[in-house]
PDB file of N, CA and C in Angstrom:
ATOM      1  N   UNK A   1      -4.245  11.011 -12.315  1.00  0.00           N
ATOM      2  CA  UNK A   1      -4.493  10.496 -13.638  1.00  0.00           C
ATOM      3  C   UNK A   1      -4.496  11.682 -14.609  1.00  0.00           C
ATOM      4  N   UNK A   2      -3.996  11.456 -15.794  1.00  0.00           N
ATOM      5  CA  UNK A   2      -3.871  12.512 -16.780  1.00  0.00           C
ATOM      6  C   UNK A   2      -5.234  13.000 -17.287  1.00  0.00           C
ATOM      7  N   UNK A   3      -6.211  12.119 -17.369  1.00  0.00           N
ATOM      8  CA  UNK A   3      -7.539  12.494 -17.847  1.00  0.00           C
ATOM      9  C   UNK A   3      -8.563  11.560 -17.217  1.00  0.00           C
ATOM     10  N   UNK A   4      -9.799  12.007 -17.083  1.00  0.00           N
ATOM     11  CA  UNK A   4     -10.821  11.137 -16.485  1.00  0.00           C
ATOM     12  C   UNK A   4     -11.166   9.972 -17.414  1.00  0.00           C
ATOM     13  N   UNK A   5     -11.385   8.822 -16.829  1.00  0.00           N
ATOM     14  CA  UNK A   5     -11.774   7.635 -17.592  1.00  0.00           C
ATOM     15  C   UNK A   5     -13.278   7.697 -17.812  1.00  0.00           C
ATOM     16  N   UNK A   6     -13.720   7.556 -19.054  1.00  0.00           N
ATOM     17  CA  UNK A   6     -15.156   7.596 -19.336  1.00  0.00           C
ATOM     18  C   UNK A   6     -15.898   6.512 -18.559  1.00  0.00           C
ATOM     19  N   UNK A   7     -17.094   6.821 -18.149  1.00  0.00           N
ATOM     20  CA  UNK A   7     -17.873   5.912 -17.309  1.00  0.00           C
ATOM     21  C   UNK A   7     -18.287   4.630 -18.035  1.00  0.00           C
ATOM     22  N   UNK A   8     -18.322   4.631 -19.369  1.00  0.00           N
ATOM     23  CA  UNK A   8     -18.749   3.430 -20.094  1.00  0.00           C
ATOM     24  C   UNK A   8     -17.633   2.386 -20.212  1.00  0.00           C
ATOM     25  N   UNK A   9     -16.388   2.736 -19.855  1.00  0.00           N
ATOM     26  CA  UNK A   9     -15.292   1.777 -19.932  1.00  0.00           C
ATOM     27  C   UNK A   9     -15.237   0.939 -18.660  1.00  0.00           C
ATOM     28  N   UNK A  10     -14.873  -0.329 -18.806  1.00  0.00           N
ATOM     29  CA  UNK A  10     -14.802  -1.178 -17.608  1.00  0.00           C
ATOM     30  C   UNK A  10     -13.660  -0.738 -16.698  1.00  0.00           C
ATOM     31  N   UNK A  11     -13.865  -0.884 -15.424  1.00  0.00           N
ATOM     32  CA  UNK A  11     -12.854  -0.534 -14.438  1.00  0.00           C
ATOM     33  C   UNK A  11     -11.977  -1.736 -14.156  1.00  0.00           C
ATOM     34  N   UNK A  12     -10.744  -1.484 -13.778  1.00  0.00           N
ATOM     35  CA  UNK A  12      -9.839  -2.551 -13.404  1.00  0.00           C
ATOM     36  C   UNK A  12     -10.306  -3.148 -12.082  1.00  0.00           C
ATOM     37  N   UNK A  13     -10.285  -4.457 -12.001  1.00  0.00           N
ATOM     38  CA  UNK A  13     -10.698  -5.128 -10.763  1.00  0.00           C
ATOM     39  C   UNK A  13      -9.743  -4.755  -9.635  1.00  0.00           C
ATOM     40  N   UNK A  14     -10.284  -4.653  -8.441  1.00  0.00           N
ATOM     41  CA  UNK A  14      -9.474  -4.299  -7.278  1.00  0.00           C
ATOM     42  C   UNK A  14      -8.447  -5.390  -7.006  1.00  0.00           C
ATOM     43  N   UNK A  15      -7.227  -4.966  -6.775  1.00  0.00           N
ATOM     44  CA  UNK A  15      -6.148  -5.907  -6.498  1.00  0.00           C
ATOM     45  C   UNK A  15      -6.234  -6.384  -5.055  1.00  0.00           C
ATOM     46  N   UNK A  16      -5.777  -7.589  -4.817  1.00  0.00           N
ATOM     47  CA  UNK A  16      -5.871  -8.172  -3.488  1.00  0.00           C
ATOM     48  C   UNK A  16      -4.569  -8.059  -2.693  1.00  0.00           C
ATOM     49  N   UNK A  17      -3.479  -7.593  -3.327  1.00  0.00           N
ATOM     50  CA  UNK A  17      -2.237  -7.555  -2.580  1.00  0.00           C
ATOM     51  C   UNK A  17      -2.206  -6.333  -1.653  1.00  0.00           C
ATOM     52  N   UNK A  18      -1.441  -6.441  -0.594  1.00  0.00           N
ATOM     53  CA  UNK A  18      -1.428  -5.422   0.454  1.00  0.00           C
ATOM     54  C   UNK A  18      -0.888  -4.089  -0.052  1.00  0.00           C
ATOM     55  N   UNK A  19       0.121  -4.117  -0.875  1.00  0.00           N
ATOM     56  CA  UNK A  19       0.696  -2.852  -1.340  1.00  0.00           C
ATOM     57  C   UNK A  19      -0.314  -2.070  -2.178  1.00  0.00           C
ATOM     58  N   UNK A  20      -1.073  -2.761  -3.002  1.00  0.00           N
ATOM     59  CA  UNK A  20      -2.091  -2.073  -3.807  1.00  0.00           C
ATOM     60  C   UNK A  20      -3.191  -1.494  -2.930  1.00  0.00           C
ATOM     61  N   UNK A  21      -3.570  -2.226  -1.880  1.00  0.00           N
ATOM     62  CA  UNK A  21      -4.599  -1.708  -0.976  1.00  0.00           C
ATOM     63  C   UNK A  21      -4.105  -0.463  -0.249  1.00  0.00           C
ATOM     64  N   UNK A  22      -2.865  -0.496   0.232  1.00  0.00           N
ATOM     65  CA  UNK A  22      -2.326   0.662   0.941  1.00  0.00           C
ATOM     66  C   UNK A  22      -2.134   1.833  -0.019  1.00  0.00           C
ATOM     67  N   UNK A  23      -1.643   1.558  -1.218  1.00  0.00           N
ATOM     68  CA  UNK A  23      -1.463   2.632  -2.199  1.00  0.00           C
ATOM     69  C   UNK A  23      -2.797   3.268  -2.583  1.00  0.00           C
ATOM     70  N   UNK A  24      -3.850   2.479  -2.668  1.00  0.00           N
ATOM     71  CA  UNK A  24      -5.161   3.060  -2.982  1.00  0.00           C
ATOM     72  C   UNK A  24      -5.657   3.928  -1.830  1.00  0.00           C
ATOM     73  N   UNK A  25      -5.349   3.526  -0.587  1.00  0.00           N
ATOM     74  CA  UNK A  25      -5.711   4.359   0.561  1.00  0.00           C
ATOM     75  C   UNK A  25      -4.942   5.675   0.529  1.00  0.00           C
ATOM     76  N   UNK A  26      -3.669   5.594   0.182  1.00  0.00           N
ATOM     77  CA  UNK A  26      -2.842   6.805   0.104  1.00  0.00           C
ATOM     78  C   UNK A  26      -3.368   7.736  -0.979  1.00  0.00           C
ATOM     79  N   UNK A  27      -3.682   7.181  -2.131  1.00  0.00           N
ATOM     80  CA  UNK A  27      -4.151   8.023  -3.233  1.00  0.00           C
ATOM     81  C   UNK A  27      -5.528   8.614  -2.982  1.00  0.00           C
ATOM     82  N   UNK A  28      -6.335   7.954  -2.145  1.00  0.00           N
ATOM     83  CA  UNK A  28      -7.666   8.486  -1.890  1.00  0.00           C
ATOM     84  C   UNK A  28      -7.706   9.452  -0.707  1.00  0.00           C
ATOM     85  N   UNK A  29      -6.602   9.576   0.018  1.00  0.00           N
ATOM     86  CA  UNK A  29      -6.568  10.495   1.163  1.00  0.00           C
ATOM     87  C   UNK A  29      -6.485  11.934   0.663  1.00  0.00           C
ATOM     88  N   UNK A  30      -7.297  12.776   1.250  1.00  0.00           N
ATOM     89  CA  UNK A  30      -7.251  14.188   0.874  1.00  0.00           C
ATOM     90  C   UNK A  30      -6.104  14.873   1.607  1.00  0.00           C
ATOM     91  N   UNK A  31      -5.710  16.026   1.121  1.00  0.00           N
ATOM     92  CA  UNK A  31      -4.614  16.773   1.747  1.00  0.00           C
ATOM     93  C   UNK A  31      -4.964  17.169   3.174  1.00  0.00           C
ATOM     94  N   UNK A  32      -6.233  17.460   3.428  1.00  0.00           N
ATOM     95  CA  UNK A  32      -6.648  17.854   4.775  1.00  0.00           C
ATOM     96  C   UNK A  32      -6.655  16.673   5.740  1.00  0.00           C
ATOM     97  N   UNK A  33      -6.929  15.484   5.238  1.00  0.00           N
ATOM     98  CA  UNK A  33      -6.998  14.293   6.092  1.00  0.00           C
ATOM     99  C   UNK A  33      -5.619  13.721   6.378  1.00  0.00           C
ATOM    100  N   UNK A  34      -4.637  14.067   5.559  1.00  0.00           N
ATOM    101  CA  UNK A  34      -3.307  13.500   5.699  1.00  0.00           C
ATOM    102  C   UNK A  34      -2.609  14.051   6.938  1.00  0.00           C
ATOM    103  N   UNK A  35      -2.201  13.151   7.815  1.00  0.00           N
ATOM    104  CA  UNK A  35      -1.456  13.539   9.012  1.00  0.00           C
ATOM    105  C   UNK A  35      -0.532  12.392   9.406  1.00  0.00           C
ATOM    106  N   UNK A  36       0.259  12.618  10.453  1.00  0.00           N
ATOM    107  CA  UNK A  36       1.242  11.622  10.874  1.00  0.00           C
ATOM    108  C   UNK A  36       0.583  10.329  11.338  1.00  0.00           C
ATOM    109  N   UNK A  37      -0.546  10.434  12.000  1.00  0.00           N
ATOM    110  CA  UNK A  37      -1.233   9.229  12.482  1.00  0.00           C
ATOM    111  C   UNK A  37      -1.711   8.359  11.330  1.00  0.00           C
ATOM    112  N   UNK A  38      -2.248   8.991  10.308  1.00  0.00           N
ATOM    113  CA  UNK A  38      -2.723   8.249   9.140  1.00  0.00           C
ATOM    114  C   UNK A  38      -1.552   7.573   8.428  1.00  0.00           C
ATOM    115  N   UNK A  39      -0.462   8.306   8.243  1.00  0.00           N
ATOM    116  CA  UNK A  39       0.720   7.733   7.602  1.00  0.00           C
ATOM    117  C   UNK A  39       1.281   6.583   8.441  1.00  0.00           C
ATOM    118  N   UNK A  40       1.283   6.749   9.762  1.00  0.00           N
ATOM    119  CA  UNK A  40       1.775   5.691  10.645  1.00  0.00           C
ATOM    120  C   UNK A  40       0.908   4.438  10.535  1.00  0.00           C
ATOM    121  N   UNK A  41      -0.385   4.615  10.337  1.00  0.00           N
ATOM    122  CA  UNK A  41      -1.262   3.446  10.199  1.00  0.00           C
ATOM    123  C   UNK A  41      -0.954   2.689   8.912  1.00  0.00           C
ATOM    124  N   UNK A  42      -0.597   3.407   7.851  1.00  0.00           N
ATOM    125  CA  UNK A  42      -0.221   2.739   6.602  1.00  0.00           C
ATOM    126  C   UNK A  42       1.082   1.977   6.770  1.00  0.00           C
ATOM    127  N   UNK A  43       2.049   2.590   7.448  1.00  0.00           N
ATOM    128  CA  UNK A  43       3.325   1.916   7.683  1.00  0.00           C
ATOM    129  C   UNK A  43       3.110   0.670   8.537  1.00  0.00           C
ATOM    130  N   UNK A  44       2.284   0.790   9.565  1.00  0.00           N
ATOM    131  CA  UNK A  44       2.001  -0.356  10.430  1.00  0.00           C
ATOM    132  C   UNK A  44       1.330  -1.479   9.646  1.00  0.00           C
ATOM    133  N   UNK A  45       0.437  -1.124   8.752  1.00  0.00           N
ATOM    134  CA  UNK A  45      -0.246  -2.132   7.934  1.00  0.00           C
ATOM    135  C   UNK A  45       0.747  -2.856   7.026  1.00  0.00           C
ATOM    136  N   UNK A  46       1.668  -2.111   6.431  1.00  0.00           N
ATOM    137  CA  UNK A  46       2.685  -2.733   5.588  1.00  0.00           C
ATOM    138  C   UNK A  46       3.633  -3.596   6.420  1.00  0.00           C
ATOM    139  N   UNK A  47       4.031  -3.107   7.600  1.00  0.00           N
ATOM    140  CA  UNK A  47       4.905  -3.890   8.475  1.00  0.00           C
ATOM    141  C   UNK A  47       4.250  -5.204   8.881  1.00  0.00           C
ATOM    142  N   UNK A  48       2.977  -5.151   9.221  1.00  0.00           N
ATOM    143  CA  UNK A  48       2.260  -6.367   9.609  1.00  0.00           C
ATOM    144  C   UNK A  48       2.196  -7.353   8.448  1.00  0.00           C
ATOM    145  N   UNK A  49       1.994  -6.840   7.253  1.00  0.00           N
ATOM    146  CA  UNK A  49       1.929  -7.717   6.082  1.00  0.00           C
ATOM    147  C   UNK A  49       3.278  -8.374   5.812  1.00  0.00           C
ATOM    148  N   UNK A  50       4.361  -7.628   6.027  1.00  0.00           N
ATOM    149  CA  UNK A  50       5.693  -8.199   5.828  1.00  0.00           C
ATOM    150  C   UNK A  50       5.949  -9.301   6.843  1.00  0.00           C
ATOM    151  N   UNK A  51       5.558  -9.061   8.089  1.00  0.00           N
ATOM    152  CA  UNK A  51       5.764 -10.066   9.126  1.00  0.00           C
ATOM    153  C   UNK A  51       4.977 -11.343   8.850  1.00  0.00           C
ATOM    154  N   UNK A  52       3.817 -11.217   8.230  1.00  0.00           N
ATOM    155  CA  UNK A  52       2.972 -12.366   7.927  1.00  0.00           C
ATOM    156  C   UNK A  52       3.377 -13.076   6.636  1.00  0.00           C
ATOM    157  N   UNK A  53       4.211 -12.444   5.852  1.00  0.00           N
ATOM    158  CA  UNK A  53       4.544 -13.006   4.541  1.00  0.00           C
ATOM    159  C   UNK A  53       5.696 -13.994   4.627  1.00  0.00           C
ATOM    160  N   UNK A  54       5.941 -14.629   3.506  1.00  0.00           N
ATOM    161  CA  UNK A  54       7.054 -15.561   3.398  1.00  0.00           C
ATOM    162  C   UNK A  54       8.375 -14.828   3.207  1.00  0.00           C
ATOM    163  N   UNK A  55       8.307 -13.550   2.922  1.00  0.00           N
ATOM    164  CA  UNK A  55       9.502 -12.760   2.644  1.00  0.00           C
ATOM    165  C   UNK A  55      10.249 -12.424   3.932  1.00  0.00           C
ATOM    166  N   UNK A  56       9.549 -12.320   5.042  1.00  0.00           N
ATOM    167  CA  UNK A  56      10.153 -11.872   6.294  1.00  0.00           C
ATOM    168  C   UNK A  56      11.393 -12.671   6.696  1.00  0.00           C
ATOM    169  N   UNK A  57      11.375 -14.011   6.690  1.00  0.00           N
ATOM    170  CA  UNK A  57      12.590 -14.757   7.062  1.00  0.00           C
ATOM    171  C   UNK A  57      13.761 -14.459   6.119  1.00  0.00           C
ATOM    172  N   UNK A  58      13.469 -14.253   4.865  1.00  0.00           N
ATOM    173  CA  UNK A  58      14.524 -13.938   3.902  1.00  0.00           C
ATOM    174  C   UNK A  58      15.153 -12.588   4.199  1.00  0.00           C
ATOM    175  N   UNK A  59      14.344 -11.631   4.623  1.00  0.00           N
ATOM    176  CA  UNK A  59      14.874 -10.319   4.947  1.00  0.00           C
ATOM    177  C   UNK A  59      15.847 -10.403   6.113  1.00  0.00           C
ATOM    178  N   UNK A  60      15.536 -11.252   7.090  1.00  0.00           N
ATOM    179  CA  UNK A  60      16.446 -11.415   8.215  1.00  0.00           C
ATOM    180  C   UNK A  60      17.761 -12.036   7.794  1.00  0.00           C
ATOM    181  N   UNK A  61      17.742 -12.900   6.797  1.00  0.00           N
ATOM    182  CA  UNK A  61      18.972 -13.561   6.327  1.00  0.00           C
ATOM    183  C   UNK A  61      19.904 -12.590   5.607  1.00  0.00           C
ATOM    184  N   UNK A  62      19.351 -11.669   4.833  1.00  0.00           N
ATOM    185  CA  UNK A  62      20.201 -10.785   4.038  1.00  0.00           C
ATOM    186  C   UNK A  62      20.527  -9.468   4.723  1.00  0.00           C
ATOM    187  N   UNK A  63      19.886  -9.166   5.844  1.00  0.00           N
ATOM    188  CA  UNK A  63      20.130  -7.903   6.518  1.00  0.00           C
ATOM    189  C   UNK A  63      21.607  -7.701   6.880  1.00  0.00           C
ATOM    190  N   UNK A  64      22.313  -8.711   7.394  1.00  0.00           N
ATOM    191  CA  UNK A  64      23.733  -8.500   7.721  1.00  0.00           C
ATOM    192  C   UNK A  64      24.586  -8.128   6.514  1.00  0.00           C
ATOM    193  N   UNK A  65      24.138  -8.493   5.315  1.00  0.00           N
ATOM    194  CA  UNK A  65      24.899  -8.173   4.105  1.00  0.00           C
ATOM    195  C   UNK A  65      24.892  -6.680   3.823  1.00  0.00           C
ATOM    196  N   UNK A  66      23.945  -5.965   4.375  1.00  0.00           N
ATOM    197  CA  UNK A  66      23.868  -4.528   4.135  1.00  0.00           C
ATOM    198  C   UNK A  66      24.576  -3.825   5.243  1.00  0.00           C
TER     199      UNK A  66
END
């Protein structure tokens, strides 16, 4: 963030979508904590969300086009 947000301003409500949750985990990870296992857990979480979503069947339909 370019500048700290003053404490008296309201905070944005936490988003419920999976990408926002994973992105917040990525942004809160420190440089020392970042490793391949942690990154793999984020990828696995996103993969699981895709498999559970309505988008997954559509991805299988358009994959041959690429």
